[in-house]
Amino acid sequence: MLFRSRCAMQWASRVNEAYRELLHPLSRARLLCELAAVPVDLLDTRLPSTFLAQQMEWREDYEALTDSSEAMRVDDRLLRTEQLESKVRQEAKQLIEKFAQSPLAQGARASADDLQLASDLIRQWMFVEKFIEDIEQQRMHWLEVLPS
């Protein structure tokens, strides 16, 4: 009886873990690629030059906001950070929409080119999501140091 109980708990844990993975659109997209035998290569740094240029511009703006030597009130930093985050989230939304329109996401038969494009979109999406996380963490830091 103890074996059955332990086994049931292990299966329940695995089901819950899978459910958590499927709840997040980005991890769900990565799983779709893996199921299509096109795992997303996290070490592949090839990205479109326009995408990289945009990311570099946003990172420079972000670094200017987080540079402690720049005399800027926290409220102003928060406002400018919110504006930057809005732009980055719009980029994420566009990547999500492009992926959602892909044959892979729609459950249609996908060519090798379609699968590569889906993988490339996911890598860009991951990059943007990481940047959003960085922005959110910095915002939380600033809010912690605000005088009450």
Protein backbone atom coordinates (compact mmCIF):
# COMPACT_ATOMS: atom_id res chain seq x y z
CA MET A 1 0.00 0.00 0.00
CA LEU A 2 2.86 2.36 0.83
CA PHE A 3 4.37 1.74 -2.62
CA ARG A 4 1.10 2.72 -4.35
CA SER A 5 0.84 5.86 -2.29
CA ARG A 6 4.42 6.87 -3.06
CA CYS A 7 3.94 6.08 -6.74
CA ALA A 8 0.73 8.14 -6.84
CA MET A 9 2.51 11.06 -5.18
CA GLN A 10 5.34 10.89 -7.72
CA TRP A 11 2.90 10.87 -10.64
CA ALA A 12 0.92 13.74 -9.14
CA SER A 13 4.15 15.69 -8.75
CA ARG A 14 5.09 15.06 -12.38
CA VAL A 15 1.62 16.08 -13.59
CA ASN A 16 1.79 19.29 -11.54
CA GLU A 17 5.24 20.07 -12.91
CA ALA A 18 4.04 19.54 -16.49
CA TYR A 19 1.00 21.71 -15.82
CA ARG A 20 3.21 24.54 -14.52
CA GLU A 21 5.37 24.28 -17.65
CA LEU A 22 2.35 24.43 -19.93
CA LEU A 23 0.92 27.46 -18.14
CA HIS A 24 3.76 29.67 -19.36
CA PRO A 25 3.57 30.51 -23.07
CA LEU A 26 7.34 30.62 -23.54
CA SER A 27 8.01 27.24 -21.93
CA ARG A 28 5.02 25.80 -23.83
CA ALA A 29 6.53 27.07 -27.10
CA ARG A 30 9.89 25.52 -26.23
CA LEU A 31 8.18 22.21 -25.51
CA LEU A 32 6.42 22.35 -28.89
CA CYS A 33 9.80 22.76 -30.57
CA GLU A 34 11.24 19.86 -28.60
CA LEU A 35 8.29 17.67 -29.58
CA ALA A 36 8.94 18.59 -33.23
CA ALA A 37 12.57 17.44 -32.78
CA VAL A 38 13.89 21.02 -33.02
CA PRO A 39 15.03 21.86 -29.52
CA VAL A 40 15.82 25.50 -28.92
CA ASP A 41 19.60 25.82 -28.76
CA LEU A 42 20.27 28.21 -25.90
CA LEU A 43 23.91 28.54 -26.94
CA ASP A 44 23.04 29.67 -30.46
CA THR A 45 23.63 33.41 -30.39
CA ARG A 46 22.75 34.08 -34.02
CA LEU A 47 19.94 36.61 -34.04
CA PRO A 48 18.79 39.07 -36.71
CA SER A 49 20.96 42.19 -36.79
CA THR A 50 17.94 44.49 -36.49
CA PHE A 51 16.84 42.63 -33.37
CA LEU A 52 20.34 42.85 -31.87
CA ALA A 53 20.61 46.57 -32.67
CA GLN A 54 17.27 47.21 -30.95
CA GLN A 55 18.33 45.20 -27.91
CA MET A 56 21.62 47.10 -27.68
CA GLU A 57 19.77 50.42 -27.82
CA TRP A 58 17.37 49.31 -25.08
CA ARG A 59 20.22 48.01 -22.93
CA GLU A 60 22.05 51.33 -23.27
CA ASP A 61 18.88 53.18 -22.21
CA TYR A 62 18.48 50.76 -19.32
CA GLU A 63 22.08 51.17 -18.18
CA ALA A 64 21.68 54.96 -18.25
CA LEU A 65 18.69 54.55 -15.93
CA THR A 66 20.47 52.21 -13.55
CA ASP A 67 23.73 54.18 -13.48
CA SER A 68 23.92 55.45 -9.92
CA SER A 69 26.21 58.32 -10.88
CA GLU A 70 23.47 59.95 -12.96
CA ALA A 71 21.58 62.47 -10.85
CA MET A 72 17.97 61.41 -11.41
CA ARG A 73 15.17 61.10 -8.91
CA VAL A 74 13.83 57.62 -8.30
CA ASP A 75 10.39 58.71 -9.48
CA ASP A 76 11.87 59.87 -12.79
CA ARG A 77 13.80 56.61 -13.13
CA LEU A 78 10.64 54.64 -12.50
CA LEU A 79 8.72 56.59 -15.13
CA ARG A 80 11.45 56.21 -17.76
CA THR A 81 11.83 52.54 -16.85
CA GLU A 82 8.09 52.05 -17.32
CA GLN A 83 8.32 53.64 -20.77
CA LEU A 84 11.22 51.37 -21.72
CA GLU A 85 9.45 48.31 -20.35
CA SER A 86 6.38 49.18 -22.42
CA LYS A 87 8.50 49.13 -25.59
CA VAL A 88 10.11 45.83 -24.63
CA ARG A 89 6.75 44.24 -23.79
CA GLN A 90 5.43 45.36 -27.18
CA GLU A 91 8.35 43.53 -28.81
CA ALA A 92 7.51 40.44 -26.75
CA LYS A 93 3.90 40.67 -27.86
CA GLN A 94 4.95 40.82 -31.51
CA LEU A 95 7.21 37.79 -31.11
CA ILE A 96 4.40 35.88 -29.40
CA GLU A 97 2.02 36.75 -32.22
CA LYS A 98 4.54 35.68 -34.88
CA PHE A 99 5.09 32.38 -33.10
CA ALA A 100 1.34 31.85 -32.68
CA GLN A 101 0.93 32.22 -36.45
CA SER A 102 3.60 29.63 -37.19
CA PRO A 103 2.55 26.20 -38.46
CA LEU A 104 4.17 24.62 -35.41
CA ALA A 105 2.03 26.62 -32.98
CA GLN A 106 -1.10 25.94 -35.00
CA GLY A 107 -0.53 22.20 -35.09
CA ALA A 108 -0.06 22.14 -38.86
CA ARG A 109 2.62 20.29 -40.74
CA ALA A 110 5.75 22.42 -40.49
CA SER A 111 8.64 22.45 -42.94
CA ALA A 112 12.25 22.52 -41.79
CA ASP A 113 12.31 26.27 -42.49
CA ASP A 114 9.12 26.77 -40.44
CA LEU A 115 10.65 24.86 -37.55
CA GLN A 116 13.88 26.88 -37.71
CA LEU A 117 11.91 30.12 -37.79
CA ALA A 118 9.90 29.00 -34.75
CA SER A 119 13.12 28.18 -32.90
CA ASP A 120 14.60 31.56 -33.83
CA LEU A 121 11.48 33.37 -32.63
CA ILE A 122 11.62 31.53 -29.32
CA ARG A 123 15.26 32.48 -28.78
CA GLN A 124 14.41 36.13 -29.41
CA TRP A 125 11.40 35.82 -27.13
CA MET A 126 13.59 34.34 -24.38
CA PHE A 127 16.03 37.24 -24.74
CA VAL A 128 13.21 39.79 -24.42
CA GLU A 129 11.65 37.98 -21.43
CA LYS A 130 15.01 37.99 -19.64
CA PHE A 131 15.30 41.73 -20.23
CA ILE A 132 11.80 42.26 -18.82
CA GLU A 133 12.81 40.29 -15.72
CA ASP A 134 15.88 42.50 -15.31
CA ILE A 135 13.74 45.62 -15.54
CA GLU A 136 11.24 44.28 -13.00
CA GLN A 137 14.00 43.38 -10.55
CA GLN A 138 15.55 46.82 -10.84
CA ARG A 139 12.18 48.46 -10.30
CA MET A 140 11.65 46.40 -7.15
CA HIS A 141 15.08 47.49 -5.92
CA TRP A 142 14.22 51.15 -6.45
CA LEU A 143 10.87 50.74 -4.72
CA GLU A 144 12.61 49.19 -1.72
CA VAL A 145 14.85 52.24 -1.31
CA LEU A 146 12.09 54.82 -1.70
CA PRO A 147 11.59 56.80 1.51
CA SER A 148 8.24 56.06 3.15
